[in-house]
Amino acid sequence: MSIPLCNPFAKAAALLLPLSIVPCLAVADIVFSAKVAGPVSNIYTLDDSYELHRLTDNIHWRDIEPDIAADDTVVFASNRTDETGVDLERRSENFNIYLVAAGKKPRPIVTSARQDLKPRFSPDGKKVAFLRRGGDGVQLGLAARDGSSERELLSADDIFDYTWSPDGERVAVTLRRGEKFLLGTLGIATGDSSPAAVEILESSDGTPPVNLSWSPDGRHLAYVRHPFDGGSRSLWLRDLASGGERRISADGVEVQAAPSWSRDGQRLLFAALVDYSFHYDEQAHQKVYRGGMQLFSADIRGGSRQLTDGKALHRAPLFHAGENRIAFLHGQTLDARSLALGSMDLESGEVRQLYDGVAQRSALRAN
């Protein structure tokens, strides 16, 4: 049953407080991309005292897709180059993988002539996986945190997403080879330079998983199915021991990204479009959207409730502060170009706006 609690913007005026006087709620460090100007973005973290820290400071490049390790070191993708001048002849940009810690300059750990994207720390923080696009297909790569070694784990026509197992010994991946869509896992063998064999969990030709999230207890794999022949994007949960799966999201909602987990592996948070449609306004020369993107809480048995309502955009939810609160991004409209970082109490529905100026396509990651 849907239980709308509140719309973040309905209380924004009353709850918008300077970060320095917001009471400390023992929130884990959260990392995101902050908007600078135009497409330029920097990497910010929010600590457990609600203080903001800018880890990168540039006015030229896009620092995107950050992930954070337990020691607060951040890995991210960036199109940085040594030249900062405007190149009117440039027809493409090149993303590589960088590492940065507070008080230090970013340093590259993965570089190539192709697009190195979506870096994610292993659970122990010692390795970084990433996707390499361009040329012949897509590769899942693995690099040492210090950049001393790099190897290819997997190659496919396309790789939609991947997620680490909580023990760091395996990676789950969803990919396409020819006309087949595959969901599987592969081991991270030490010292083996050859591509790893994929243990197939599922092979299909119509409704592949496109977003993955491994539960912290290692028992479940959550994923979003995206039908290419019509139908809604739905959230599913696979029991890795039995192989059985259960649909988590309700009919009529369009789940937008992989869910985030509570630390005990019993609850999930996800964002989904509700009552969504759009049309093109010929007089205004723009798309007009109907509905909103809402936040949901669910448990592994399939029970769920809706946490937000209205026509606003809410997305990228994750648990924090002892899992009694959640952090999330929100905008006043579905096509908002700049988002705000908010925090919600799950019992009362109280919302605090923590930072206004998150990059449009940013996600949230926590250590």
Protein backbone atom coordinates (compact mmCIF):
# COMPACT_ATOMS: atom_id res chain seq x y z
CA MET A 1 0.00 0.00 0.00
CA SER A 2 1.29 3.47 -0.86
CA ILE A 3 1.72 5.79 2.10
CA PRO A 4 2.82 9.24 0.91
CA LEU A 5 4.59 10.96 3.76
CA CYS A 6 5.66 14.31 2.44
CA ASN A 7 6.96 16.32 -0.48
CA PRO A 8 10.44 17.74 0.26
CA PHE A 9 9.63 21.08 -1.32
CA ALA A 10 6.45 21.52 0.74
CA LYS A 11 8.64 22.03 3.85
CA ALA A 12 11.74 23.45 2.21
CA ALA A 13 11.34 26.95 3.64
CA ALA A 14 10.97 25.69 7.19
CA LEU A 15 13.67 23.05 7.07
CA LEU A 16 16.39 24.66 4.98
CA LEU A 17 19.17 25.17 7.53
CA PRO A 18 22.83 26.10 7.16
CA LEU A 19 24.90 22.94 7.30
CA SER A 20 26.88 24.22 10.27
CA ILE A 21 23.82 24.33 12.55
CA VAL A 22 22.03 21.18 11.43
CA PRO A 23 22.12 18.74 14.38
CA CYS A 24 24.62 15.91 13.96
CA LEU A 25 22.83 12.68 13.04
CA ALA A 26 25.92 10.47 12.67
CA VAL A 27 25.48 10.16 8.93
CA ALA A 28 28.05 8.14 7.02
CA ASP A 29 30.08 9.98 4.41
CA ILE A 30 28.13 10.56 1.21
CA VAL A 31 29.75 11.46 -2.11
CA PHE A 32 28.20 13.14 -5.16
CA SER A 33 28.95 15.35 -8.17
CA ALA A 34 28.22 19.03 -7.61
CA LYS A 35 27.21 21.39 -10.41
CA VAL A 36 29.66 24.21 -11.20
CA ALA A 37 28.64 25.85 -14.48
CA GLY A 38 27.29 24.32 -17.66
CA PRO A 39 28.49 20.70 -17.85
CA VAL A 40 31.36 21.27 -15.38
CA SER A 41 31.11 19.33 -12.11
CA ASN A 42 33.27 18.73 -9.02
CA ILE A 43 33.27 15.98 -6.40
CA TYR A 44 31.88 16.75 -2.93
CA THR A 45 31.46 14.68 0.22
CA LEU A 46 29.18 15.24 3.19
CA ASP A 47 30.60 14.02 6.51
CA ASP A 48 28.94 12.81 9.71
CA SER A 49 28.75 16.38 11.03
CA TYR A 50 26.93 17.58 7.92
CA GLU A 51 29.97 19.51 6.74
CA LEU A 52 30.67 19.69 3.02
CA HIS A 53 34.12 18.94 1.63
CA ARG A 54 35.12 19.72 -1.95
CA LEU A 55 37.51 17.02 -3.15
CA THR A 56 38.03 18.35 -6.66
CA ASP A 57 38.12 21.99 -7.72
CA ASN A 58 38.05 22.76 -11.41
CA ILE A 59 36.19 25.00 -13.85
CA HIS A 60 36.87 23.00 -17.02
CA TRP A 61 36.09 19.30 -16.61
CA ARG A 62 33.37 16.88 -15.65
CA ASP A 63 34.21 14.84 -12.55
CA ILE A 64 31.46 12.21 -12.44
CA GLU A 65 30.38 8.79 -11.09
CA PRO A 66 32.24 8.93 -7.76
CA ASP A 67 32.46 6.00 -5.36
CA ILE A 68 33.80 6.15 -1.80
CA ALA A 69 35.87 3.65 0.21
CA ALA A 70 35.71 3.07 3.96
CA ASP A 71 38.73 5.35 4.50
CA ASP A 72 36.95 8.20 2.61
CA THR A 73 39.16 7.92 -0.48
CA VAL A 74 37.10 8.60 -3.61
CA VAL A 75 37.43 7.15 -7.10
CA PHE A 76 35.74 8.88 -10.05
CA ALA A 77 35.67 9.25 -13.83
CA SER A 78 36.78 12.50 -15.45
CA ASN A 79 37.44 13.97 -18.90
CA ARG A 80 40.40 15.97 -17.53
CA THR A 81 43.31 16.80 -19.83
CA ASP A 82 46.54 18.73 -19.39
CA GLU A 83 45.21 21.48 -21.66
CA THR A 84 42.56 23.81 -20.23
CA GLY A 85 42.00 26.01 -23.29
CA VAL A 86 38.92 25.81 -25.49
CA ASP A 87 39.45 23.49 -28.45
CA LEU A 88 36.88 24.34 -31.12
CA GLU A 89 38.00 21.40 -33.26
CA ARG A 90 37.54 18.78 -30.56
CA ARG A 91 34.92 16.25 -31.59
CA SER A 92 35.10 13.91 -28.62
CA GLU A 93 36.15 13.67 -24.99
CA ASN A 94 38.07 11.00 -23.17
CA PHE A 95 37.15 9.80 -19.67
CA ASN A 96 39.67 8.06 -17.42
CA ILE A 97 39.65 6.92 -13.78
CA TYR A 98 41.08 9.06 -10.96
CA LEU A 99 41.63 8.68 -7.23
CA VAL A 100 41.46 11.51 -4.69
CA ALA A 101 41.65 11.87 -0.91
CA ALA A 102 40.98 14.92 1.24
CA GLY A 103 43.78 17.48 0.99
CA LYS A 104 45.44 15.77 -1.98
CA LYS A 105 45.34 16.28 -5.73
CA PRO A 106 43.51 13.79 -7.96
CA ARG A 107 45.77 11.28 -9.66
CA PRO A 108 44.96 8.97 -12.58
CA ILE A 109 44.95 5.22 -11.91
CA VAL A 110 43.40 4.01 -15.21
CA THR A 111 44.08 5.71 -18.54
CA SER A 112 43.39 4.70 -22.12
CA ALA A 113 42.33 6.16 -25.45
CA ARG A 114 38.80 4.86 -24.83
CA GLN A 115 36.09 5.74 -22.32
CA ASP A 116 36.85 4.45 -18.81
CA LEU A 117 33.72 4.88 -16.71
CA LYS A 118 31.66 3.71 -13.72
CA PRO A 119 34.50 2.95 -11.26
CA ARG A 120 33.61 1.08 -8.08
CA PHE A 121 35.77 0.09 -5.13
CA SER A 122 35.97 -3.53 -4.00
CA PRO A 123 34.53 -3.94 -0.48
CA ASP A 124 38.04 -3.88 1.04
CA GLY A 125 38.93 -0.74 -0.93
CA LYS A 126 42.05 -2.29 -2.46
CA LYS A 127 40.79 -2.72 -6.03
CA VAL A 128 38.70 -0.70 -8.48
CA ALA A 129 36.47 -2.21 -11.16
CA PHE A 130 35.38 -0.10 -14.14
CA LEU A 131 33.78 -0.26 -17.59
CA ARG A 132 35.77 0.53 -20.74
CA ARG A 133 33.71 1.55 -23.78
CA GLY A 134 34.75 2.19 -27.35
CA GLY A 135 36.28 0.17 -30.14
CA ASP A 136 35.12 -3.45 -30.21
CA GLY A 137 32.47 -3.86 -27.49
CA VAL A 138 32.68 -3.14 -23.77
CA GLN A 139 35.11 -4.52 -21.20
CA LEU A 140 34.86 -4.93 -17.44
CA GLY A 141 38.27 -4.04 -16.08
CA LEU A 142 39.99 -4.35 -12.72
CA ALA A 143 42.82 -2.19 -11.39
CA ALA A 144 44.79 -1.99 -8.18
CA ARG A 145 43.90 1.05 -6.15
CA ASP A 146 47.39 2.47 -6.57
CA GLY A 147 47.23 2.01 -10.35
CA SER A 148 50.08 -0.50 -10.33
CA SER A 149 48.19 -3.19 -12.25
CA GLU A 150 45.24 -3.46 -14.59
CA ARG A 151 43.55 -6.40 -16.29
CA GLU A 152 40.44 -7.26 -18.27
CA LEU A 153 37.88 -9.42 -16.49
CA LEU A 154 35.25 -9.70 -19.19
CA SER A 155 34.40 -8.54 -22.71
CA ALA A 156 30.94 -8.38 -24.34
CA ASP A 157 28.97 -6.58 -27.03
CA ASP A 158 27.52 -4.50 -24.19
CA ILE A 159 27.71 -4.48 -20.40
CA PHE A 160 24.73 -2.85 -18.72
CA ASP A 161 25.87 -2.92 -15.10
CA TYR A 162 27.90 -4.77 -12.47
CA THR A 163 28.04 -5.03 -8.67
CA TRP A 164 30.57 -6.43 -6.17
CA SER A 165 29.71 -9.29 -3.83
CA PRO A 166 30.05 -8.18 -0.18
CA ASP A 167 33.09 -10.42 0.34
CA GLY A 168 34.82 -8.94 -2.73
CA GLU A 169 35.46 -12.38 -4.25
CA ARG A 170 32.93 -12.13 -7.09
CA VAL A 171 31.24 -9.60 -9.35
CA ALA A 172 27.72 -9.93 -10.73
CA VAL A 173 27.29 -8.57 -14.23
CA THR A 174 24.51 -8.14 -16.77
CA LEU A 175 25.56 -8.08 -20.44
CA ARG A 176 24.70 -8.75 -24.07
CA ARG A 177 26.46 -11.14 -26.40
CA GLY A 178 24.90 -11.22 -29.85
CA GLU A 179 21.13 -11.56 -29.40
CA LYS A 180 21.39 -13.00 -25.90
CA PHE A 181 21.13 -11.11 -22.63
CA LEU A 182 23.02 -12.75 -19.78
CA LEU A 183 23.01 -12.32 -16.01
CA GLY A 184 25.89 -13.99 -14.24
CA THR A 185 28.75 -13.83 -11.75
CA LEU A 186 32.49 -14.20 -12.14
CA GLY A 187 35.28 -14.78 -9.66
CA ILE A 188 38.10 -12.31 -9.08
CA ALA A 189 41.06 -14.70 -9.19
CA THR A 190 44.35 -13.29 -7.89
CA GLY A 191 47.22 -13.31 -10.35
CA ASP A 192 45.20 -14.58 -13.33
CA SER A 193 45.55 -12.25 -16.31
CA SER A 194 43.04 -14.04 -18.58
CA PRO A 195 39.35 -13.03 -18.78
CA ALA A 196 37.24 -14.80 -16.17
CA ALA A 197 34.52 -17.35 -16.97
CA VAL A 198 30.97 -16.19 -16.25
CA GLU A 199 28.71 -18.45 -14.20
CA ILE A 200 25.35 -17.85 -15.92
CA LEU A 201 22.34 -17.25 -13.68
CA GLU A 202 19.97 -16.36 -16.50
CA SER A 203 19.89 -16.16 -20.30
CA SER A 204 17.08 -14.34 -22.11
CA ASP A 205 16.27 -12.56 -25.34
CA GLY A 206 13.70 -9.97 -24.30
CA THR A 207 13.67 -8.57 -20.76
CA PRO A 208 17.23 -8.26 -19.44
CA PRO A 209 18.31 -6.94 -16.04
CA VAL A 210 19.96 -3.55 -16.55
CA ASN A 211 20.77 -2.41 -13.00
CA LEU A 212 22.25 -4.60 -10.27
CA SER A 213 22.74 -4.45 -6.50
CA TRP A 214 24.12 -7.28 -4.33
CA SER A 215 22.70 -7.45 -0.80
CA PRO A 216 25.16 -6.81 2.07
CA ASP A 217 24.51 -10.28 3.53
CA GLY A 218 25.36 -11.89 0.17
CA ARG A 219 22.06 -13.75 -0.10
CA HIS A 220 20.19 -11.75 -2.72
CA LEU A 221 20.76 -9.99 -6.01
CA ALA A 222 18.38 -7.14 -6.83
CA TYR A 223 17.93 -5.93 -10.39
CA VAL A 224 15.74 -3.83 -12.63
CA ARG A 225 14.25 -5.55 -15.67
CA HIS A 226 13.90 -3.40 -18.77
CA PRO A 227 11.55 -4.87 -21.40
CA PHE A 228 12.49 -3.86 -24.93
CA ASP A 229 9.10 -4.83 -26.32
CA GLY A 230 6.88 -2.71 -24.08
CA GLY A 231 5.91 -2.93 -20.43
CA SER A 232 7.26 -1.25 -17.31
CA ARG A 233 10.71 -1.32 -15.74
CA SER A 234 10.27 -3.50 -12.66
CA LEU A 235 12.39 -4.36 -9.60
CA TRP A 236 13.14 -8.03 -8.90
CA LEU A 237 14.94 -9.95 -6.18
CA ARG A 238 16.80 -13.24 -6.77
CA ASP A 239 17.61 -15.66 -3.96
CA LEU A 240 21.14 -16.76 -4.88
CA ALA A 241 20.88 -20.05 -2.97
CA SER A 242 17.59 -21.30 -4.46
CA GLY A 243 17.61 -19.37 -7.75
CA GLY A 244 14.05 -18.23 -7.15
CA GLU A 245 13.04 -14.65 -7.84
CA ARG A 246 10.34 -12.30 -6.62
CA ARG A 247 8.97 -9.08 -8.07
CA ILE A 248 9.31 -6.22 -5.59
CA SER A 249 7.81 -3.19 -7.39
CA ALA A 250 4.09 -2.83 -8.01
CA ASP A 251 2.42 -2.72 -11.40
CA GLY A 252 2.24 0.71 -13.00
CA VAL A 253 5.49 2.14 -11.64
CA GLU A 254 8.70 2.50 -13.67
CA VAL A 255 11.77 1.72 -11.54
CA GLN A 256 14.66 3.91 -12.65
CA ALA A 257 17.89 2.55 -11.15
CA ALA A 258 19.38 -0.16 -8.98
CA PRO A 259 18.09 -0.08 -5.39
CA SER A 260 20.17 0.58 -2.30
CA TRP A 261 20.22 -1.79 0.68
CA SER A 262 19.99 -1.50 4.44
CA ARG A 263 23.10 -2.83 6.16
CA ASP A 264 21.29 -5.97 7.37
CA GLY A 265 20.17 -6.86 3.84
CA GLN A 266 16.48 -6.87 4.79
CA ARG A 267 15.23 -3.62 3.24
CA LEU A 268 15.66 -1.77 -0.05
CA LEU A 269 15.11 1.77 -1.28
CA PHE A 270 14.32 2.60 -4.90
CA ALA A 271 12.98 5.39 -7.11
CA ALA A 272 10.21 4.95 -9.69
CA LEU A 273 8.08 7.04 -12.02
CA VAL A 274 4.40 7.11 -10.99
CA ASP A 275 1.51 8.17 -13.29
CA TYR A 276 4.14 9.20 -15.82
CA SER A 277 3.49 10.50 -19.34
CA PHE A 278 4.59 13.43 -21.49
CA HIS A 279 3.57 15.35 -24.59
CA TYR A 280 5.19 18.01 -26.73
CA ASP A 281 3.77 21.54 -26.39
CA GLU A 282 3.97 23.04 -29.88
CA GLN A 283 3.45 26.60 -28.62
CA ALA A 284 6.07 26.40 -25.84
CA HIS A 285 8.36 24.19 -27.97
CA GLN A 286 9.09 21.86 -25.09
CA LYS A 287 8.09 18.57 -23.52
CA VAL A 288 5.42 18.72 -20.81
CA TYR A 289 5.62 15.98 -18.20
CA ARG A 290 2.88 14.44 -16.09
CA GLY A 291 3.36 12.50 -12.87
CA GLY A 292 6.41 12.37 -10.65
CA MET A 293 9.39 10.27 -9.61
CA GLN A 294 8.82 8.90 -6.12
CA LEU A 295 10.79 7.06 -3.46
CA PHE A 296 9.79 3.63 -2.16
CA SER A 297 10.87 1.44 0.73
CA ALA A 298 10.52 -2.35 0.42
CA ASP A 299 11.52 -5.49 2.30
CA ILE A 300 12.82 -8.77 0.89
CA ARG A 301 9.39 -10.39 1.33
CA GLY A 302 7.89 -7.93 -1.15
CA GLY A 303 6.08 -5.48 1.14
CA SER A 304 6.57 -1.85 0.09
CA ARG A 305 5.40 1.67 0.80
CA GLN A 306 5.66 4.95 -1.05
CA LEU A 307 7.66 7.60 0.81
CA THR A 308 7.04 10.73 -1.30
CA ASP A 309 4.30 12.14 -3.49
CA GLY A 310 3.53 15.13 -5.74
CA LYS A 311 4.88 16.08 -9.15
CA ALA A 312 8.49 16.54 -8.10
CA LEU A 313 11.52 14.39 -8.90
CA HIS A 314 12.95 12.22 -6.11
CA ARG A 315 15.74 9.73 -6.76
CA ALA A 316 19.02 8.09 -5.63
CA PRO A 317 17.80 7.15 -2.12
CA LEU A 318 20.13 5.48 0.39
CA PHE A 319 19.98 4.64 4.08
CA HIS A 320 22.00 6.63 6.58
CA ALA A 321 22.08 7.71 10.24
CA GLY A 322 21.45 4.30 11.73
CA GLU A 323 19.01 3.57 8.90
CA ASN A 324 16.28 5.64 10.53
CA ARG A 325 16.88 8.33 7.92
CA ILE A 326 17.47 8.27 4.19
CA ALA A 327 19.38 10.64 1.93
CA PHE A 328 18.12 11.36 -1.57
CA LEU A 329 18.17 13.84 -4.45
CA HIS A 330 15.19 15.93 -5.47
CA GLY A 331 14.10 18.60 -7.92
CA GLN A 332 10.94 20.64 -8.34
CA THR A 333 10.18 19.16 -11.76
CA LEU A 334 10.97 15.94 -13.62
CA ASP A 335 13.27 17.84 -15.99
CA ALA A 336 15.08 19.79 -13.24
CA ARG A 337 18.62 20.72 -14.34
CA SER A 338 19.96 21.08 -10.80
CA LEU A 339 19.08 18.91 -7.82
CA ALA A 340 19.18 19.25 -4.05
CA LEU A 341 20.47 16.77 -1.49
CA GLY A 342 17.84 16.01 1.12
CA SER A 343 17.47 13.87 4.24
CA MET A 344 14.21 12.28 5.45
CA ASP A 345 13.24 10.75 8.79
CA LEU A 346 11.45 7.50 7.93
CA GLU A 347 9.15 7.62 10.95
CA SER A 348 8.00 11.24 10.95
CA GLY A 349 8.54 12.13 7.30
CA GLU A 350 10.53 15.23 8.33
CA VAL A 351 12.75 16.42 5.48
CA ARG A 352 15.90 18.54 5.65
CA GLN A 353 17.51 20.10 2.61
CA LEU A 354 21.28 19.73 2.99
CA TYR A 355 22.78 21.09 -0.22
CA ASP A 356 21.38 22.81 -3.30
CA GLY A 357 23.46 22.34 -6.43
CA VAL A 358 23.94 18.64 -7.15
CA ALA A 359 24.69 17.83 -10.79
CA GLN A 360 21.68 16.67 -12.78
CA ARG A 361 22.96 13.15 -13.47
CA SER A 362 24.71 12.56 -10.18
CA ALA A 363 23.98 9.57 -7.97
CA LEU A 364 24.72 9.23 -4.27
CA ARG A 365 27.22 6.74 -2.87
CA ALA A 366 28.05 6.10 0.80
CA ASN A 367 30.92 4.32 2.51
